[in-house]
């Protein structure tokens, strides 16, 4: 493990979005996450860098991978971790988000991990509490740790995180994952494409620095990385797609469409997957091209790195 003294201080109190990070910040997180991968694969997986600190995970939206990996990351670093059952809390009894922030602040947590269905809600909380805040996904805006774990997965498999052609495919309209990845990949000097039906492609997405395609084979031509996205039907109120069968025919990833990409292409998906809708099952399970399980592993490592860097910042501030 690299010693803490070898690193310059992380220059952020919170992690609210990729937009706030510089390329050097991103590399710092990924380098420390590489160390966490080694720790997580060892027989003894515990460190005490967060010993004495309290981490509260507060998820206003349901989550499996993100909430579990943040809990595991905190515990492996020695934090006291509390998961708040938001659906059973006073938030559902009419308490406002600011009231919730004030209540949490009175408990003196050190790190607050928040997922919320409204864009900007996590930023608002960060303004009202005295602790470090990590955005675990807010509305359609950002999901920074997902983009970071995707970046780590790409860097470890490809050996670099620059000058790659990356296609992000599917439900771009409702995806905070797509937005965070577009920000990160552009910062690291990659070529980014989005591929989606017109109904699932937000207006102005090209202004974020992405080329827009509505044909899968055309968009996948020569790509090094293909990121598939989940159809977020819970956010859809209308006829965004004609049917699952038709969607898979035109936009689901299968061998025929993927053959347009580079020979050494890797396939990603943030999960949970709708097999046979967004991606063919055989491709999802292809250990030579699919890195979906590696993404899950990298998620714990990246969240450990973020927690450790924010904790170091607290020590510097004191």
Protein backbone atom coordinates (compact mmCIF):
# COMPACT_ATOMS: atom_id res chain seq x y z
CA UNK A 1 0.00 0.00 0.00
CA UNK A 2 1.24 3.52 -0.76
CA UNK A 3 1.85 5.58 2.33
CA UNK A 4 -0.47 8.51 2.95
CA UNK A 5 2.48 10.91 3.10
CA UNK A 6 3.33 10.18 -0.54
CA UNK A 7 0.11 11.79 -1.74
CA UNK A 8 -0.76 15.44 -2.06
CA UNK A 9 -3.97 16.28 -0.14
CA UNK A 10 -7.24 15.63 -1.92
CA UNK A 11 -8.51 19.18 -2.62
CA UNK A 12 -12.23 18.55 -2.08
CA UNK A 13 -14.32 18.36 1.06
CA UNK A 14 -17.14 16.46 -0.70
CA UNK A 15 -17.58 14.23 -3.75
CA UNK A 16 -20.70 15.63 -5.42
CA UNK A 17 -19.92 15.11 -9.09
CA UNK A 18 -17.28 14.37 -11.71
CA UNK A 19 -17.58 17.92 -13.05
CA UNK A 20 -15.80 19.15 -9.91
CA UNK A 21 -12.76 16.88 -10.39
CA UNK A 22 -9.58 17.54 -12.32
CA UNK A 23 -7.73 14.79 -14.24
CA UNK A 24 -5.18 14.75 -11.38
CA UNK A 25 -7.99 14.23 -8.84
CA UNK A 26 -9.33 11.33 -10.89
CA UNK A 27 -5.90 9.71 -11.14
CA UNK A 28 -5.40 10.11 -7.38
CA UNK A 29 -8.66 8.28 -6.65
CA UNK A 30 -7.92 5.50 -9.14
CA UNK A 31 -4.36 4.98 -7.88
CA UNK A 32 -5.58 4.59 -4.31
CA UNK A 33 -8.37 2.32 -5.51
CA UNK A 34 -5.74 0.08 -7.12
CA UNK A 35 -4.26 -0.36 -3.64
CA UNK A 36 -7.72 -1.18 -2.28
CA UNK A 37 -8.12 -3.93 -4.91
CA UNK A 38 -5.00 -5.60 -3.52
CA UNK A 39 -6.34 -5.32 0.04
CA UNK A 40 -9.74 -6.68 -0.94
CA UNK A 41 -8.16 -9.76 -2.52
CA UNK A 42 -6.06 -10.51 0.56
CA UNK A 43 -7.05 -12.91 3.32
CA UNK A 44 -7.25 -10.03 5.83
CA UNK A 45 -9.26 -7.16 4.38
CA UNK A 46 -9.43 -4.67 7.25
CA UNK A 47 -7.66 -1.36 7.77
CA UNK A 48 -8.25 1.22 10.47
CA UNK A 49 -7.89 4.49 8.54
CA UNK A 50 -11.52 5.40 9.36
CA UNK A 51 -11.40 4.13 12.94
CA UNK A 52 -13.42 6.42 15.20
CA UNK A 53 -15.32 7.99 12.27
CA UNK A 54 -19.06 7.59 11.69
CA UNK A 55 -20.43 6.98 8.20
CA UNK A 56 -24.17 7.28 7.57
CA UNK A 57 -25.58 5.80 4.35
CA UNK A 58 -28.89 7.46 3.48
CA UNK A 59 -30.64 6.11 0.40
CA UNK A 60 -33.92 7.77 -0.59
CA UNK A 61 -34.02 5.45 -3.62
CA UNK A 62 -33.62 1.67 -3.54
CA UNK A 63 -30.17 0.32 -4.30
CA UNK A 64 -28.34 -2.97 -4.00
CA UNK A 65 -24.86 -2.65 -5.50
CA UNK A 66 -24.12 0.93 -4.50
CA UNK A 67 -25.46 0.73 -0.94
CA UNK A 68 -23.82 -2.65 -0.26
CA UNK A 69 -20.45 -1.55 -1.61
CA UNK A 70 -20.45 1.71 0.38
CA UNK A 71 -21.30 -0.24 3.53
CA UNK A 72 -18.57 -2.80 2.85
CA UNK A 73 -16.06 -0.08 1.94
CA UNK A 74 -16.66 1.79 5.20
CA UNK A 75 -16.44 -1.32 7.34
CA UNK A 76 -13.23 -2.51 5.67
CA UNK A 77 -11.66 0.83 6.52
CA UNK A 78 -12.80 0.63 10.15
CA UNK A 79 -15.66 3.17 10.18
CA UNK A 80 -18.79 2.88 12.30
CA UNK A 81 -21.38 2.49 9.55
CA UNK A 82 -25.09 3.18 9.94
CA UNK A 83 -27.63 2.52 7.18
CA UNK A 84 -30.73 4.69 7.53
CA UNK A 85 -34.06 3.12 6.56
CA UNK A 86 -35.36 6.24 4.81
CA UNK A 87 -38.71 4.73 3.85
CA UNK A 88 -39.47 4.19 7.53
CA UNK A 89 -38.10 7.56 8.62
CA UNK A 90 -39.71 10.90 9.35
CA UNK A 91 -38.95 11.98 5.77
CA UNK A 92 -42.07 10.10 4.73
CA UNK A 93 -44.05 11.84 7.47
CA UNK A 94 -43.58 15.26 5.93
CA UNK A 95 -40.10 16.22 7.09
CA UNK A 96 -38.30 18.38 4.53
CA UNK A 97 -34.85 17.61 3.19
CA UNK A 98 -33.41 20.56 5.13
CA UNK A 99 -35.05 19.29 8.34
CA UNK A 100 -33.45 15.93 7.68
CA UNK A 101 -30.07 17.61 7.16
CA UNK A 102 -30.38 19.44 10.46
CA UNK A 103 -31.33 16.21 12.26
CA UNK A 104 -28.37 14.37 10.77
CA UNK A 105 -26.02 17.23 11.58
CA UNK A 106 -27.02 17.03 15.25
CA UNK A 107 -25.79 13.41 15.27
CA UNK A 108 -22.27 14.61 14.29
CA UNK A 109 -21.52 12.13 11.48
CA UNK A 110 -18.19 12.40 9.72
CA UNK A 111 -19.25 11.12 6.30
CA UNK A 112 -22.72 11.13 4.77
CA UNK A 113 -23.42 8.98 1.69
CA UNK A 114 -26.65 10.03 -0.02
CA UNK A 115 -28.76 8.80 -2.92
CA UNK A 116 -31.80 10.88 -3.83
CA UNK A 117 -34.30 10.93 -6.68
CA UNK A 118 -34.12 14.69 -7.20
CA UNK A 119 -31.25 16.29 -9.10
CA UNK A 120 -29.34 18.68 -6.84
CA UNK A 121 -30.72 17.28 -3.57
CA UNK A 122 -27.33 15.95 -2.47
CA UNK A 123 -25.69 19.32 -3.16
CA UNK A 124 -28.33 20.99 -1.00
CA UNK A 125 -27.64 18.58 1.86
CA UNK A 126 -23.91 19.24 1.56
CA UNK A 127 -24.55 22.96 2.15
CA UNK A 128 -26.45 22.26 5.38
CA UNK A 129 -24.23 19.74 7.18
CA UNK A 130 -20.75 19.97 8.71
CA UNK A 131 -19.50 16.58 7.47
CA UNK A 132 -18.17 15.26 4.17
CA UNK A 133 -20.89 14.28 1.70
CA UNK A 134 -20.66 11.71 -1.09
CA UNK A 135 -23.18 11.70 -3.92
CA UNK A 136 -24.36 8.11 -4.48
CA UNK A 137 -26.65 9.25 -7.30
CA UNK A 138 -29.03 12.20 -7.56
CA UNK A 139 -31.90 12.23 -10.03
CA UNK A 140 -30.66 12.42 -13.60
CA UNK A 141 -27.65 14.58 -12.71
CA UNK A 142 -24.62 12.59 -11.55
CA UNK A 143 -23.39 9.29 -10.11
CA UNK A 144 -19.68 10.03 -9.63
CA UNK A 145 -18.51 6.81 -7.96
CA UNK A 146 -20.07 4.75 -10.76
CA UNK A 147 -18.08 6.69 -13.35
CA UNK A 148 -14.92 6.27 -11.26
CA UNK A 149 -15.36 2.52 -10.90
CA UNK A 150 -16.02 2.28 -14.64
CA UNK A 151 -12.82 4.25 -15.24
CA UNK A 152 -10.84 1.96 -12.96
CA UNK A 153 -12.23 -1.11 -14.74
CA UNK A 154 -11.27 0.32 -18.13
CA UNK A 155 -7.79 1.36 -17.00
CA UNK A 156 -7.02 -2.04 -15.50
CA UNK A 157 -8.29 -3.97 -18.53
CA UNK A 158 -6.99 -1.64 -21.27
CA UNK A 159 -3.83 -0.44 -19.53
CA UNK A 160 -4.75 3.21 -20.08
CA UNK A 161 -7.59 5.70 -19.67
CA UNK A 162 -6.98 8.01 -22.61
CA UNK A 163 -7.33 8.01 -26.41
CA UNK A 164 -10.02 5.34 -26.35
CA UNK A 165 -13.30 5.35 -28.23
CA UNK A 166 -16.13 4.64 -25.82
CA UNK A 167 -19.78 4.11 -26.74
CA UNK A 168 -22.50 4.60 -24.11
CA UNK A 169 -25.67 2.90 -25.32
CA UNK A 170 -29.32 2.81 -24.33
CA UNK A 171 -31.43 4.96 -22.04
CA UNK A 172 -29.28 8.09 -22.07
CA UNK A 173 -32.25 10.34 -21.24
CA UNK A 174 -32.76 9.05 -17.69
CA UNK A 175 -29.15 8.09 -16.92
CA UNK A 176 -27.01 9.91 -14.36
CA UNK A 177 -24.40 7.20 -15.05
CA UNK A 178 -24.13 8.36 -18.67
CA UNK A 179 -23.62 11.99 -17.66
CA UNK A 180 -20.91 11.24 -15.11
CA UNK A 181 -19.11 8.96 -17.56
CA UNK A 182 -19.25 11.54 -20.34
CA UNK A 183 -17.70 14.14 -18.00
CA UNK A 184 -14.95 11.77 -16.83
CA UNK A 185 -14.06 10.28 -20.20
CA UNK A 186 -13.80 13.72 -21.79
CA UNK A 187 -11.57 14.97 -18.97
CA UNK A 188 -9.26 12.00 -19.65
CA UNK A 189 -9.06 12.74 -23.41
CA UNK A 190 -11.25 9.99 -24.84
CA UNK A 191 -13.68 10.01 -27.75
CA UNK A 192 -17.21 9.53 -26.43
CA UNK A 193 -20.24 8.38 -28.39
CA UNK A 194 -23.82 7.96 -27.23
CA UNK A 195 -26.13 5.56 -29.04
CA UNK A 196 -29.85 5.63 -28.35
CA UNK A 197 -33.26 5.88 -29.99
CA UNK A 198 -34.28 9.54 -30.44
CA UNK A 199 -36.89 9.17 -27.68
CA UNK A 200 -34.17 8.21 -25.15
CA UNK A 201 -31.54 10.73 -26.22
CA UNK A 202 -31.75 14.09 -24.40
CA UNK A 203 -31.58 17.27 -26.41
CA UNK A 204 -28.19 18.94 -26.20
CA UNK A 205 -26.28 15.86 -25.08
CA UNK A 206 -23.73 16.66 -27.80
CA UNK A 207 -22.87 19.87 -25.91
CA UNK A 208 -21.44 17.69 -23.12
CA UNK A 209 -18.86 16.42 -25.60
CA UNK A 210 -20.47 13.29 -27.04
CA UNK A 211 -21.12 12.27 -30.62
CA UNK A 212 -24.73 11.15 -31.12
CA UNK A 213 -25.77 8.05 -33.05
CA UNK A 214 -29.17 6.42 -33.50
CA UNK A 215 -27.87 3.31 -35.30
CA UNK A 216 -26.00 0.72 -33.20
CA UNK A 217 -23.73 -0.70 -35.90
CA UNK A 218 -22.69 2.77 -37.05
CA UNK A 219 -22.08 3.98 -33.50
CA UNK A 220 -20.11 0.90 -32.45
CA UNK A 221 -17.73 1.05 -35.41
CA UNK A 222 -14.18 0.65 -34.05
CA UNK A 223 -15.12 1.19 -30.39
CA UNK A 224 -12.74 0.04 -27.66
CA UNK A 225 -15.34 0.08 -24.88
CA UNK A 226 -19.11 -0.43 -25.00
CA UNK A 227 -21.18 0.63 -21.97
CA UNK A 228 -24.74 -0.62 -21.98
CA UNK A 229 -27.33 1.13 -19.81
CA UNK A 230 -30.43 -0.18 -18.07
CA UNK A 231 -33.83 0.82 -19.41
CA UNK A 232 -35.13 2.87 -16.47
CA UNK A 233 -38.79 2.05 -16.92
CA UNK A 234 -39.65 3.39 -13.46
CA UNK A 235 -38.81 6.86 -14.79
CA UNK A 236 -40.76 6.43 -18.02
CA UNK A 237 -44.32 7.72 -18.29
CA UNK A 238 -45.18 7.17 -21.93
CA UNK A 239 -44.20 5.35 -25.09
CA UNK A 240 -40.42 5.72 -25.11
CA UNK A 241 -39.99 2.33 -26.83
CA UNK A 242 -42.45 0.27 -28.90
CA UNK A 243 -41.72 -3.00 -27.05
CA UNK A 244 -38.88 -4.82 -25.32
CA UNK A 245 -38.57 -7.16 -28.29
CA UNK A 246 -38.27 -4.30 -30.77
CA UNK A 247 -35.85 -2.45 -28.49
CA UNK A 248 -33.54 -5.46 -28.29
CA UNK A 249 -33.71 -5.93 -32.05
CA UNK A 250 -32.52 -2.37 -32.68
CA UNK A 251 -30.55 -1.39 -29.56
CA UNK A 252 -29.82 -4.53 -27.56
CA UNK A 253 -26.19 -5.63 -27.69
CA UNK A 254 -25.65 -8.94 -29.48
CA UNK A 255 -22.83 -10.58 -31.44
CA UNK A 256 -23.89 -9.07 -34.76
CA UNK A 257 -23.89 -5.48 -33.52
CA UNK A 258 -20.72 -5.92 -31.44
CA UNK A 259 -18.81 -7.25 -34.45
CA UNK A 260 -18.54 -3.64 -35.68
CA UNK A 261 -16.39 -2.74 -32.66
CA UNK A 262 -12.65 -3.29 -32.19
CA UNK A 263 -11.46 -6.89 -31.87
CA UNK A 264 -10.40 -6.34 -28.25
CA UNK A 265 -13.56 -4.46 -27.21
CA UNK A 266 -14.78 -4.76 -23.63
CA UNK A 267 -18.45 -4.72 -22.62
CA UNK A 268 -19.75 -2.95 -19.52
CA UNK A 269 -23.08 -2.53 -17.70
CA UNK A 270 -23.71 -0.73 -14.38
CA UNK A 271 -26.46 -3.19 -13.42
CA UNK A 272 -28.97 -4.42 -12.77
CA UNK A 273 -29.18 -5.90 -16.26
CA UNK A 274 -32.33 -6.69 -18.20
CA UNK A 275 -31.03 -9.71 -20.11
CA UNK A 276 -32.51 -10.06 -23.55
CA UNK A 277 -33.55 -6.39 -23.52
CA UNK A 278 -30.30 -4.38 -23.26
CA UNK A 279 -27.79 -7.18 -23.69
CA UNK A 280 -27.65 -10.77 -24.85
CA UNK A 281 -27.05 -13.19 -21.96
CA UNK A 282 -24.16 -14.94 -23.69
CA UNK A 283 -22.33 -11.63 -24.13
CA UNK A 284 -23.02 -10.56 -20.55
CA UNK A 285 -21.38 -13.76 -19.33
CA UNK A 286 -18.48 -13.83 -21.82
CA UNK A 287 -15.41 -13.67 -19.59
CA UNK A 288 -13.19 -12.59 -22.51
CA UNK A 289 -15.21 -9.45 -23.31
CA UNK A 290 -17.59 -8.74 -20.44
CA UNK A 291 -16.13 -6.87 -17.44
CA UNK A 292 -19.46 -6.56 -15.62
CA UNK A 293 -18.36 -8.59 -12.61
CA UNK A 294 -15.08 -6.67 -12.47
CA UNK A 295 -17.13 -3.46 -12.25
CA UNK A 296 -18.78 -4.78 -9.09
CA UNK A 297 -15.37 -5.56 -7.56
CA UNK A 298 -13.96 -2.17 -8.56
CA UNK A 299 -16.97 -0.47 -6.97
CA UNK A 300 -15.88 -1.47 -3.48
CA UNK A 301 -12.29 -0.40 -4.16
CA UNK A 302 -13.22 3.01 -5.58
CA UNK A 303 -15.58 3.76 -2.70
CA UNK A 304 -12.86 2.81 -0.23
CA UNK A 305 -10.50 5.23 -1.97
CA UNK A 306 -13.03 8.07 -1.89
CA UNK A 307 -13.79 7.49 1.80
CA UNK A 308 -10.10 7.43 2.68
CA UNK A 309 -9.26 10.60 0.75
CA UNK A 310 -12.13 12.54 2.29
CA UNK A 311 -11.11 11.30 5.75
CA UNK A 312 -7.54 12.46 5.17
CA UNK A 313 -8.93 15.88 4.27
CA UNK A 314 -10.68 16.03 7.65
CA UNK A 315 -7.36 15.42 9.41
CA UNK A 316 -5.69 18.19 7.40
CA UNK A 317 -8.55 20.57 8.24
CA UNK A 318 -8.21 19.82 11.95
